[in-house]
PDB file of N, CA and C in Angstrom:
ATOM      1  N   UNK A   1      93.192 101.185  49.032  1.00  0.00           N
ATOM      2  CA  UNK A   1      93.041 100.814  50.419  1.00  0.00           C
ATOM      3  C   UNK A   1      92.243 101.913  51.120  1.00  0.00           C
ATOM      4  N   UNK A   2      91.067 101.565  51.670  1.00  0.00           N
ATOM      5  CA  UNK A   2      90.244 102.577  52.325  1.00  0.00           C
ATOM      6  C   UNK A   2      90.845 102.987  53.666  1.00  0.00           C
ATOM      7  N   UNK A   3      90.662 104.227  54.008  1.00  0.00           N
ATOM      8  CA  UNK A   3      91.155 104.765  55.275  1.00  0.00           C
ATOM      9  C   UNK A   3      90.030 104.638  56.306  1.00  0.00           C
ATOM     10  N   UNK A   4      90.368 104.037  57.415  1.00  0.00           N
ATOM     11  CA  UNK A   4      89.383 103.874  58.485  1.00  0.00           C
ATOM     12  C   UNK A   4      89.321 105.160  59.303  1.00  0.00           C
ATOM     13  N   UNK A   5      88.120 105.585  59.578  1.00  0.00           N
ATOM     14  CA  UNK A   5      87.971 106.750  60.432  1.00  0.00           C
ATOM     15  C   UNK A   5      87.768 106.269  61.857  1.00  0.00           C
ATOM     16  N   UNK A   6      88.519 106.845  62.738  1.00  0.00           N
ATOM     17  CA  UNK A   6      88.414 106.465  64.155  1.00  0.00           C
ATOM     18  C   UNK A   6      87.329 107.289  64.810  1.00  0.00           C
ATOM     19  N   UNK A   7      86.512 106.621  65.543  1.00  0.00           N
ATOM     20  CA  UNK A   7      85.464 107.301  66.292  1.00  0.00           C
ATOM     21  C   UNK A   7      86.084 107.910  67.548  1.00  0.00           C
ATOM     22  N   UNK A   8      85.700 109.123  67.911  1.00  0.00           N
ATOM     23  CA  UNK A   8      86.218 109.680  69.165  1.00  0.00           C
ATOM     24  C   UNK A   8      85.718 108.849  70.342  1.00  0.00           C
ATOM     25  N   UNK A   9      86.619 108.585  71.255  1.00  0.00           N
ATOM     26  CA  UNK A   9      86.262 107.759  72.404  1.00  0.00           C
ATOM     27  C   UNK A   9      85.806 108.645  73.540  1.00  0.00           C
ATOM     28  N   UNK A  10      84.766 108.202  74.199  1.00  0.00           N
ATOM     29  CA  UNK A  10      84.265 108.930  75.345  1.00  0.00           C
ATOM     30  C   UNK A  10      84.983 108.519  76.610  1.00  0.00           C
ATOM     31  N   UNK A  11      84.673 109.188  77.672  1.00  0.00           N
ATOM     32  CA  UNK A  11      85.288 108.917  78.961  1.00  0.00           C
ATOM     33  C   UNK A  11      85.010 107.492  79.425  1.00  0.00           C
ATOM     34  N   UNK A  12      83.799 107.013  79.166  1.00  0.00           N
ATOM     35  CA  UNK A  12      83.431 105.657  79.576  1.00  0.00           C
ATOM     36  C   UNK A  12      84.286 104.629  78.862  1.00  0.00           C
ATOM     37  N   UNK A  13      84.532 104.818  77.576  1.00  0.00           N
ATOM     38  CA  UNK A  13      85.372 103.877  76.820  1.00  0.00           C
ATOM     39  C   UNK A  13      86.809 103.879  77.329  1.00  0.00           C
ATOM     40  N   UNK A  14      87.304 105.064  77.642  1.00  0.00           N
ATOM     41  CA  UNK A  14      88.676 105.171  78.145  1.00  0.00           C
ATOM     42  C   UNK A  14      88.797 104.497  79.514  1.00  0.00           C
ATOM     43  N   UNK A  15      87.841 104.753  80.401  1.00  0.00           N
ATOM     44  CA  UNK A  15      87.865 104.104  81.719  1.00  0.00           C
ATOM     45  C   UNK A  15      87.734 102.593  81.599  1.00  0.00           C
ATOM     46  N   UNK A  16      86.910 102.133  80.675  1.00  0.00           N
ATOM     47  CA  UNK A  16      86.748 100.697  80.473  1.00  0.00           C
ATOM     48  C   UNK A  16      88.074 100.058  80.063  1.00  0.00           C
ATOM     49  N   UNK A  17      88.797 100.708  79.165  1.00  0.00           N
ATOM     50  CA  UNK A  17      90.100 100.172  78.737  1.00  0.00           C
ATOM     51  C   UNK A  17      91.102 100.180  79.885  1.00  0.00           C
ATOM     52  N   UNK A  18      91.119 101.272  80.670  1.00  0.00           N
ATOM     53  CA  UNK A  18      92.063 101.360  81.790  1.00  0.00           C
ATOM     54  C   UNK A  18      91.773 100.272  82.816  1.00  0.00           C
ATOM     55  N   UNK A  19      90.505 100.080  83.153  1.00  0.00           N
ATOM     56  CA  UNK A  19      90.168  99.073  84.158  1.00  0.00           C
ATOM     57  C   UNK A  19      90.405  97.665  83.632  1.00  0.00           C
ATOM     58  N   UNK A  20      90.211  97.466  82.332  1.00  0.00           N
ATOM     59  CA  UNK A  20      90.411  96.140  81.750  1.00  0.00           C
ATOM     60  C   UNK A  20      91.893  95.791  81.645  1.00  0.00           C
ATOM     61  N   UNK A  21      92.682  96.709  81.149  1.00  0.00           N
ATOM     62  CA  UNK A  21      94.109  96.445  80.946  1.00  0.00           C
ATOM     63  C   UNK A  21      94.937  96.790  82.170  1.00  0.00           C
ATOM     64  N   UNK A  22      94.557  97.833  82.879  1.00  0.00           N
ATOM     65  CA  UNK A  22      95.321  98.287  84.033  1.00  0.00           C
ATOM     66  C   UNK A  22      96.217  99.456  83.664  1.00  0.00           C
ATOM     67  N   UNK A  23      96.530 100.252  84.664  1.00  0.00           N
ATOM     68  CA  UNK A  23      97.397 101.412  84.476  1.00  0.00           C
ATOM     69  C   UNK A  23      98.325 101.481  85.681  1.00  0.00           C
ATOM     70  N   UNK A  24      99.620 101.628  85.420  1.00  0.00           N
ATOM     71  CA  UNK A  24     100.606 101.721  86.494  1.00  0.00           C
ATOM     72  C   UNK A  24     101.312 103.067  86.380  1.00  0.00           C
ATOM     73  N   UNK A  25     101.355 103.782  87.481  1.00  0.00           N
ATOM     74  CA  UNK A  25     102.079 105.042  87.550  1.00  0.00           C
ATOM     75  C   UNK A  25     103.130 104.883  88.645  1.00  0.00           C
ATOM     76  N   UNK A  26     104.373 105.140  88.293  1.00  0.00           N
ATOM     77  CA  UNK A  26     105.456 105.007  89.267  1.00  0.00           C
ATOM     78  C   UNK A  26     106.378 106.201  89.129  1.00  0.00           C
ATOM     79  N   UNK A  27     106.822 106.701  90.246  1.00  0.00           N
ATOM     80  CA  UNK A  27     107.737 107.839  90.196  1.00  0.00           C
ATOM     81  C   UNK A  27     108.308 108.157  91.553  1.00  0.00           C
ATOM     82  N   UNK A  28     109.393 108.886  91.557  1.00  0.00           N
ATOM     83  CA  UNK A  28     110.050 109.314  92.785  1.00  0.00           C
ATOM     84  C   UNK A  28     110.207 110.829  92.755  1.00  0.00           C
ATOM     85  N   UNK A  29     109.933 111.456  93.861  1.00  0.00           N
ATOM     86  CA  UNK A  29     110.132 112.893  94.006  1.00  0.00           C
ATOM     87  C   UNK A  29     111.109 113.093  95.160  1.00  0.00           C
ATOM     88  N   UNK A  30     112.182 113.793  94.883  1.00  0.00           N
ATOM     89  CA  UNK A  30     113.172 114.057  95.922  1.00  0.00           C
ATOM     90  C   UNK A  30     113.364 115.561  96.049  1.00  0.00           C
ATOM     91  N   UNK A  31     113.341 116.026  97.292  1.00  0.00           N
ATOM     92  CA  UNK A  31     113.562 117.436  97.575  1.00  0.00           C
ATOM     93  C   UNK A  31     114.883 117.546  98.324  1.00  0.00           C
ATOM     94  N   UNK A  32     115.799 118.316  97.740  1.00  0.00           N
ATOM     95  CA  UNK A  32     117.132 118.477  98.342  1.00  0.00           C
ATOM     96  C   UNK A  32     117.458 119.953  98.468  1.00  0.00           C
ATOM     97  N   UNK A  33     118.267 120.248  99.460  1.00  0.00           N
ATOM     98  CA  UNK A  33     118.764 121.603  99.669  1.00  0.00           C
ATOM     99  C   UNK A  33     120.247 121.503  99.967  1.00  0.00           C
ATOM    100  N   UNK A  34     121.064 122.101  99.125  1.00  0.00           N
ATOM    101  CA  UNK A  34     122.524 122.076  99.275  1.00  0.00           C
ATOM    102  C   UNK A  34     123.031 120.640  99.367  1.00  0.00           C
ATOM    103  N   UNK A  35     122.577 119.805  98.463  1.00  0.00           N
ATOM    104  CA  UNK A  35     122.971 118.390  98.384  1.00  0.00           C
ATOM    105  C   UNK A  35     122.593 117.587  99.628  1.00  0.00           C
ATOM    106  N   UNK A  36     121.615 118.067 100.392  1.00  0.00           N
ATOM    107  CA  UNK A  36     121.098 117.328 101.541  1.00  0.00           C
ATOM    108  C   UNK A  36     119.653 116.960 101.227  1.00  0.00           C
ATOM    109  N   UNK A  37     119.405 115.687 101.167  1.00  0.00           N
ATOM    110  CA  UNK A  37     118.060 115.220 100.834  1.00  0.00           C
ATOM    111  C   UNK A  37     117.130 115.446 102.013  1.00  0.00           C
ATOM    112  N   UNK A  38     116.093 116.240 101.806  1.00  0.00           N
ATOM    113  CA  UNK A  38     115.151 116.568 102.865  1.00  0.00           C
ATOM    114  C   UNK A  38     113.910 115.685 102.843  1.00  0.00           C
ATOM    115  N   UNK A  39     113.489 115.314 101.656  1.00  0.00           N
ATOM    116  CA  UNK A  39     112.232 114.586 101.526  1.00  0.00           C
ATOM    117  C   UNK A  39     112.276 113.696 100.296  1.00  0.00           C
ATOM    118  N   UNK A  40     111.813 112.475 100.452  1.00  0.00           N
ATOM    119  CA  UNK A  40     111.673 111.565  99.319  1.00  0.00           C
ATOM    120  C   UNK A  40     110.271 110.996  99.333  1.00  0.00           C
ATOM    121  N   UNK A  41     109.599 111.095  98.205  1.00  0.00           N
ATOM    122  CA  UNK A  41     108.265 110.524  98.059  1.00  0.00           C
ATOM    123  C   UNK A  41     108.326 109.501  96.936  1.00  0.00           C
ATOM    124  N   UNK A  42     107.993 108.273  97.260  1.00  0.00           N
ATOM    125  CA  UNK A  42     107.951 107.223  96.249  1.00  0.00           C
ATOM    126  C   UNK A  42     106.489 106.921  95.948  1.00  0.00           C
ATOM    127  N   UNK A  43     106.117 107.118  94.708  1.00  0.00           N
ATOM    128  CA  UNK A  43     104.734 106.943  94.291  1.00  0.00           C
ATOM    129  C   UNK A  43     104.605 105.674  93.468  1.00  0.00           C
ATOM    130  N   UNK A  44     103.733 104.791  93.896  1.00  0.00           N
ATOM    131  CA  UNK A  44     103.410 103.577  93.151  1.00  0.00           C
ATOM    132  C   UNK A  44     101.896 103.475  93.124  1.00  0.00           C
ATOM    133  N   UNK A  45     101.309 103.614  91.967  1.00  0.00           N
ATOM    134  CA  UNK A  45      99.858 103.630  91.834  1.00  0.00           C
ATOM    135  C   UNK A  45      99.444 102.634  90.770  1.00  0.00           C
ATOM    136  N   UNK A  46      98.516 101.760  91.124  1.00  0.00           N
ATOM    137  CA  UNK A  46      97.973 100.786  90.182  1.00  0.00           C
ATOM    138  C   UNK A  46      96.474 101.021  90.100  1.00  0.00           C
ATOM    139  N   UNK A  47      95.984 101.251  88.897  1.00  0.00           N
ATOM    140  CA  UNK A  47      94.558 101.428  88.673  1.00  0.00           C
ATOM    141  C   UNK A  47      94.095 100.292  87.767  1.00  0.00           C
ATOM    142  N   UNK A  48      93.191  99.471  88.286  1.00  0.00           N
ATOM    143  CA  UNK A  48      92.660  98.366  87.488  1.00  0.00           C
ATOM    144  C   UNK A  48      91.392  97.848  88.157  1.00  0.00           C
ATOM    145  N   UNK A  49      90.723  96.943  87.487  1.00  0.00           N
ATOM    146  CA  UNK A  49      89.523  96.339  88.063  1.00  0.00           C
ATOM    147  C   UNK A  49      89.921  95.317  89.120  1.00  0.00           C
ATOM    148  N   UNK A  50      88.981  94.929  89.942  1.00  0.00           N
ATOM    149  CA  UNK A  50      89.259  93.931  90.978  1.00  0.00           C
ATOM    150  C   UNK A  50      89.653  92.602  90.348  1.00  0.00           C
ATOM    151  N   UNK A  51      88.993  92.235  89.255  1.00  0.00           N
ATOM    152  CA  UNK A  51      89.349  90.986  88.576  1.00  0.00           C
ATOM    153  C   UNK A  51      90.792  91.012  88.089  1.00  0.00           C
ATOM    154  N   UNK A  52      91.193  92.118  87.491  1.00  0.00           N
ATOM    155  CA  UNK A  52      92.570  92.250  87.006  1.00  0.00           C
ATOM    156  C   UNK A  52      93.555  92.249  88.179  1.00  0.00           C
ATOM    157  N   UNK A  53      93.209  92.930  89.267  1.00  0.00           N
ATOM    158  CA  UNK A  53      94.083  92.970  90.438  1.00  0.00           C
ATOM    159  C   UNK A  53      94.303  91.564  90.994  1.00  0.00           C
ATOM    160  N   UNK A  54      93.238  90.788  91.103  1.00  0.00           N
ATOM    161  CA  UNK A  54      93.381  89.414  91.600  1.00  0.00           C
ATOM    162  C   UNK A  54      94.198  88.566  90.638  1.00  0.00           C
ATOM    163  N   UNK A  55      94.065  88.824  89.331  1.00  0.00           N
ATOM    164  CA  UNK A  55      94.826  88.064  88.348  1.00  0.00           C
ATOM    165  C   UNK A  55      96.322  88.327  88.473  1.00  0.00           C
ATOM    166  N   UNK A  56      96.712  89.537  88.899  1.00  0.00           N
ATOM    167  CA  UNK A  56      98.139  89.838  89.045  1.00  0.00           C
ATOM    168  C   UNK A  56      98.625  89.670  90.486  1.00  0.00           C
ATOM    169  N   UNK A  57      97.750  89.152  91.367  1.00  0.00           N
ATOM    170  CA  UNK A  57      98.174  88.800  92.716  1.00  0.00           C
ATOM    171  C   UNK A  57      97.971  89.858  93.772  1.00  0.00           C
ATOM    172  N   UNK A  58      97.151  90.853  93.503  1.00  0.00           N
ATOM    173  CA  UNK A  58      96.876  91.888  94.500  1.00  0.00           C
ATOM    174  C   UNK A  58      95.492  91.617  95.083  1.00  0.00           C
ATOM    175  N   UNK A  59      95.431  91.326  96.371  1.00  0.00           N
ATOM    176  CA  UNK A  59      94.129  91.082  97.013  1.00  0.00           C
ATOM    177  C   UNK A  59      94.171  91.422  98.506  1.00  0.00           C
ATOM    178  N   UNK A  60      94.808  92.523  98.855  1.00  0.00           N
ATOM    179  CA  UNK A  60      94.954  92.906 100.254  1.00  0.00           C
ATOM    180  C   UNK A  60      93.620  93.178 100.918  1.00  0.00           C
ATOM    181  N   UNK A  61      92.596  93.550 100.194  1.00  0.00           N
ATOM    182  CA  UNK A  61      91.306  93.884 100.790  1.00  0.00           C
ATOM    183  C   UNK A  61      90.595  92.662 101.342  1.00  0.00           C
ATOM    184  N   UNK A  62      91.017  91.465 100.943  1.00  0.00           N
ATOM    185  CA  UNK A  62      90.377  90.245 101.462  1.00  0.00           C
ATOM    186  C   UNK A  62      90.737  89.990 102.924  1.00  0.00           C
ATOM    187  N   UNK A  63      91.937  90.405 103.350  1.00  0.00           N
ATOM    188  CA  UNK A  63      92.362  90.151 104.723  1.00  0.00           C
ATOM    189  C   UNK A  63      92.297  91.394 105.603  1.00  0.00           C
ATOM    190  N   UNK A  64      91.968  92.538 105.046  1.00  0.00           N
ATOM    191  CA  UNK A  64      91.862  93.770 105.825  1.00  0.00           C
ATOM    192  C   UNK A  64      90.506  93.810 106.518  1.00  0.00           C
ATOM    193  N   UNK A  65      90.506  93.911 107.849  1.00  0.00           N
ATOM    194  CA  UNK A  65      89.248  93.876 108.605  1.00  0.00           C
ATOM    195  C   UNK A  65      88.316  95.022 108.244  1.00  0.00           C
ATOM    196  N   UNK A  66      88.865  96.150 107.842  1.00  0.00           N
ATOM    197  CA  UNK A  66      88.041  97.307 107.518  1.00  0.00           C
ATOM    198  C   UNK A  66      87.227  97.079 106.241  1.00  0.00           C
ATOM    199  N   UNK A  67      87.813  96.377 105.270  1.00  0.00           N
ATOM    200  CA  UNK A  67      87.163  96.174 103.982  1.00  0.00           C
ATOM    201  C   UNK A  67      86.469  94.831 103.853  1.00  0.00           C
ATOM    202  N   UNK A  68      86.786  93.885 104.704  1.00  0.00           N
ATOM    203  CA  UNK A  68      86.256  92.534 104.566  1.00  0.00           C
ATOM    204  C   UNK A  68      85.171  92.262 105.594  1.00  0.00           C
ATOM    205  N   UNK A  69      84.139  91.572 105.173  1.00  0.00           N
ATOM    206  CA  UNK A  69      83.082  91.175 106.109  1.00  0.00           C
ATOM    207  C   UNK A  69      83.203  89.700 106.468  1.00  0.00           C
ATOM    208  N   UNK A  70      84.270  89.065 106.008  1.00  0.00           N
ATOM    209  CA  UNK A  70      84.467  87.654 106.299  1.00  0.00           C
ATOM    210  C   UNK A  70      84.828  87.470 107.773  1.00  0.00           C
ATOM    211  N   UNK A  71      84.257  86.442 108.417  1.00  0.00           N
ATOM    212  CA  UNK A  71      84.549  86.229 109.839  1.00  0.00           C
ATOM    213  C   UNK A  71      86.012  85.917 110.115  1.00  0.00           C
ATOM    214  N   UNK A  72      86.733  85.340 109.162  1.00  0.00           N
ATOM    215  CA  UNK A  72      88.126  84.984 109.417  1.00  0.00           C
ATOM    216  C   UNK A  72      89.014  86.212 109.561  1.00  0.00           C
ATOM    217  N   UNK A  73      88.548  87.361 109.074  1.00  0.00           N
ATOM    218  CA  UNK A  73      89.333  88.577 109.199  1.00  0.00           C
ATOM    219  C   UNK A  73      89.316  89.102 110.634  1.00  0.00           C
ATOM    220  N   UNK A  74      88.321  88.702 111.419  1.00  0.00           N
ATOM    221  CA  UNK A  74      88.220  89.139 112.810  1.00  0.00           C
ATOM    222  C   UNK A  74      88.762  88.063 113.736  1.00  0.00           C
ATOM    223  N   UNK A  75      89.353  88.451 114.867  1.00  0.00           N
ATOM    224  CA  UNK A  75      89.840  87.432 115.797  1.00  0.00           C
ATOM    225  C   UNK A  75      88.670  86.666 116.397  1.00  0.00           C
ATOM    226  N   UNK A  76      88.887  85.378 116.588  1.00  0.00           N
ATOM    227  CA  UNK A  76      87.829  84.558 117.180  1.00  0.00           C
ATOM    228  C   UNK A  76      87.713  84.854 118.672  1.00  0.00           C
ATOM    229  N   UNK A  77      86.631  84.366 119.281  1.00  0.00           N
ATOM    230  CA  UNK A  77      86.425  84.563 120.707  1.00  0.00           C
ATOM    231  C   UNK A  77      87.554  83.952 121.528  1.00  0.00           C
ATOM    232  N   UNK A  78      88.047  82.793 121.075  1.00  0.00           N
ATOM    233  CA  UNK A  78      89.148  82.132 121.786  1.00  0.00           C
ATOM    234  C   UNK A  78      90.422  82.969 121.715  1.00  0.00           C
ATOM    235  N   UNK A  79      90.712  83.509 120.529  1.00  0.00           N
ATOM    236  CA  UNK A  79      91.908  84.348 120.379  1.00  0.00           C
ATOM    237  C   UNK A  79      91.793  85.609 121.232  1.00  0.00           C
ATOM    238  N   UNK A  80      90.620  86.187 121.258  1.00  0.00           N
ATOM    239  CA  UNK A  80      90.386  87.390 122.048  1.00  0.00           C
ATOM    240  C   UNK A  80      90.586  87.105 123.530  1.00  0.00           C
ATOM    241  N   UNK A  81      90.027  85.982 124.015  1.00  0.00           N
ATOM    242  CA  UNK A  81      90.194  85.609 125.416  1.00  0.00           C
ATOM    243  C   UNK A  81      91.650  85.322 125.744  1.00  0.00           C
ATOM    244  N   UNK A  82      92.367  84.668 124.803  1.00  0.00           N
ATOM    245  CA  UNK A  82      93.785  84.374 125.028  1.00  0.00           C
ATOM    246  C   UNK A  82      94.595  85.668 125.121  1.00  0.00           C
ATOM    247  N   UNK A  83      94.263  86.639 124.291  1.00  0.00           N
ATOM    248  CA  UNK A  83      94.964  87.922 124.349  1.00  0.00           C
ATOM    249  C   UNK A  83      94.692  88.652 125.658  1.00  0.00           C
ATOM    250  N   UNK A  84      93.450  88.619 126.114  1.00  0.00           N
ATOM    251  CA  UNK A  84      93.122  89.262 127.396  1.00  0.00           C
ATOM    252  C   UNK A  84      93.874  88.591 128.540  1.00  0.00           C
ATOM    253  N   UNK A  85      93.944  87.241 128.512  1.00  0.00           N
ATOM    254  CA  UNK A  85      94.666  86.521 129.559  1.00  0.00           C
ATOM    255  C   UNK A  85      96.153  86.871 129.521  1.00  0.00           C
ATOM    256  N   UNK A  86      96.717  87.000 128.335  1.00  0.00           N
ATOM    257  CA  UNK A  86      98.134  87.336 128.194  1.00  0.00           C
ATOM    258  C   UNK A  86      98.417  88.743 128.739  1.00  0.00           C
ATOM    259  N   UNK A  87      97.534  89.685 128.467  1.00  0.00           N
ATOM    260  CA  UNK A  87      97.697  91.049 128.977  1.00  0.00           C
ATOM    261  C   UNK A  87      97.643  91.061 130.497  1.00  0.00           C
ATOM    262  N   UNK A  88      96.682  90.319 131.060  1.00  0.00           N
ATOM    263  CA  UNK A  88      96.562  90.232 132.515  1.00  0.00           C
ATOM    264  C   UNK A  88      97.826  89.641 133.124  1.00  0.00           C
ATOM    265  N   UNK A  89      98.364  88.596 132.485  1.00  0.00           N
ATOM    266  CA  UNK A  89      99.590  87.952 132.974  1.00  0.00           C
ATOM    267  C   UNK A  89     100.759  88.936 132.950  1.00  0.00           C
ATOM    268  N   UNK A  90     100.898  89.687 131.872  1.00  0.00           N
ATOM    269  CA  UNK A  90     101.996  90.644 131.768  1.00  0.00           C
ATOM    270  C   UNK A  90     101.853  91.781 132.783  1.00  0.00           C
ATOM    271  N   UNK A  91     100.633  92.242 133.005  1.00  0.00           N
ATOM    272  CA  UNK A  91     100.419  93.285 134.009  1.00  0.00           C
ATOM    273  C   UNK A  91     100.763  92.778 135.400  1.00  0.00           C
ATOM    274  N   UNK A  92     100.429  91.528 135.690  1.00  0.00           N
ATOM    275  CA  UNK A  92     100.753  90.934 136.985  1.00  0.00           C
ATOM    276  C   UNK A  92     102.267  90.856 137.173  1.00  0.00           C
ATOM    277  N   UNK A  93     102.977  90.448 136.135  1.00  0.00           N
ATOM    278  CA  UNK A  93     104.434  90.352 136.219  1.00  0.00           C
ATOM    279  C   UNK A  93     105.060  91.725 136.456  1.00  0.00           C
ATOM    280  N   UNK A  94     104.527  92.745 135.786  1.00  0.00           N
ATOM    281  CA  UNK A  94     105.044  94.094 135.993  1.00  0.00           C
ATOM    282  C   UNK A  94     104.810  94.561 137.428  1.00  0.00           C
ATOM    283  N   UNK A  95     103.632  94.268 137.969  1.00  0.00           N
ATOM    284  CA  UNK A  95     103.321  94.672 139.345  1.00  0.00           C
ATOM    285  C   UNK A  95     104.209  93.945 140.348  1.00  0.00           C
ATOM    286  N   UNK A  96     104.553  92.698 140.072  1.00  0.00           N
ATOM    287  CA  UNK A  96     105.426  91.930 140.966  1.00  0.00           C
ATOM    288  C   UNK A  96     106.825  92.537 141.022  1.00  0.00           C
ATOM    289  N   UNK A  97     107.264  93.108 139.932  1.00  0.00           N
ATOM    290  CA  UNK A  97     108.596  93.712 139.893  1.00  0.00           C
ATOM    291  C   UNK A  97     108.619  95.076 140.553  1.00  0.00           C
ATOM    292  N   UNK A  98     107.459  95.591 140.909  1.00  0.00           N
ATOM    293  CA  UNK A  98     107.396  96.882 141.584  1.00  0.00           C
ATOM    294  C   UNK A  98     107.577  98.061 140.650  1.00  0.00           C
ATOM    295  N   UNK A  99     107.333  97.845 139.387  1.00  0.00           N
ATOM    296  CA  UNK A  99     107.440  98.954 138.444  1.00  0.00           C
ATOM    297  C   UNK A  99     106.239  99.870 138.624  1.00  0.00           C
ATOM    298  N   UNK A 100     106.471 101.162 138.498  1.00  0.00           N
ATOM    299  CA  UNK A 100     105.346 102.084 138.670  1.00  0.00           C
ATOM    300  C   UNK A 100     104.323 101.897 137.554  1.00  0.00           C
ATOM    301  N   UNK A 101     103.086 101.902 137.949  1.00  0.00           N
ATOM    302  CA  UNK A 101     102.036 101.773 136.942  1.00  0.00           C
ATOM    303  C   UNK A 101     101.476 103.153 136.676  1.00  0.00           C
ATOM    304  N   UNK A 102     101.146 103.398 135.448  1.00  0.00           N
ATOM    305  CA  UNK A 102     100.615 104.701 135.068  1.00  0.00           C
ATOM    306  C   UNK A 102      99.353 104.535 134.267  1.00  0.00           C
ATOM    307  N   UNK A 103      98.784 105.647 133.935  1.00  0.00           N
ATOM    308  CA  UNK A 103      97.599 105.620 133.109  1.00  0.00           C
ATOM    309  C   UNK A 103      98.014 105.289 131.673  1.00  0.00           C
ATOM    310  N   UNK A 104      97.125 104.688 130.883  1.00  0.00           N
ATOM    311  CA  UNK A 104      97.481 104.396 129.495  1.00  0.00           C
ATOM    312  C   UNK A 104      97.852 105.669 128.751  1.00  0.00           C
ATOM    313  N   UNK A 105      98.978 105.614 128.055  1.00  0.00           N
ATOM    314  CA  UNK A 105      99.418 106.761 127.275  1.00  0.00           C
ATOM    315  C   UNK A 105     100.263 107.756 128.063  1.00  0.00           C
ATOM    316  N   UNK A 106     100.371 107.549 129.383  1.00  0.00           N
ATOM    317  CA  UNK A 106     101.139 108.472 130.227  1.00  0.00           C
ATOM    318  C   UNK A 106     102.603 108.091 130.186  1.00  0.00           C
ATOM    319  N   UNK A 107     103.467 109.085 129.999  1.00  0.00           N
ATOM    320  CA  UNK A 107     104.903 108.824 129.984  1.00  0.00           C
ATOM    321  C   UNK A 107     105.518 109.376 131.244  1.00  0.00           C
ATOM    322  N   UNK A 108     106.399 108.591 131.838  1.00  0.00           N
ATOM    323  CA  UNK A 108     107.076 109.040 133.061  1.00  0.00           C
ATOM    324  C   UNK A 108     108.568 109.153 132.776  1.00  0.00           C
ATOM    325  N   UNK A 109     109.212 110.045 133.501  1.00  0.00           N
ATOM    326  CA  UNK A 109     110.656 110.204 133.348  1.00  0.00           C
ATOM    327  C   UNK A 109     110.979 111.145 132.208  1.00  0.00           C
ATOM    328  N   UNK A 110     112.216 111.297 131.958  1.00  0.00           N
ATOM    329  CA  UNK A 110     112.758 112.143 130.893  1.00  0.00           C
ATOM    330  C   UNK A 110     111.945 113.365 130.697  1.00  0.00           C
TER     331      UNK A 110
END
């Protein structure tokens, strides 16, 4: 029976396999002092190609406005106008109640 010699794999071959099959890294890091948990980091990392991600049901970039150029990811003109009208209505109601109005981001009291 002849022995097969394995060819050393380059970085490109390794990346191709990882993107084709996928790689999942999961772990938890907990930092405690005197049995008091101070910090917990939960790491979930998936490395794969876009085709593989869609095959396993991951496609968040399709609905994210930052990554998608599709018009449906942005609010329509009608939705935008409805939101502006709703804000105006709420501001009017607040003014009718005599609540103090402040600058955006300004906190009053306490």
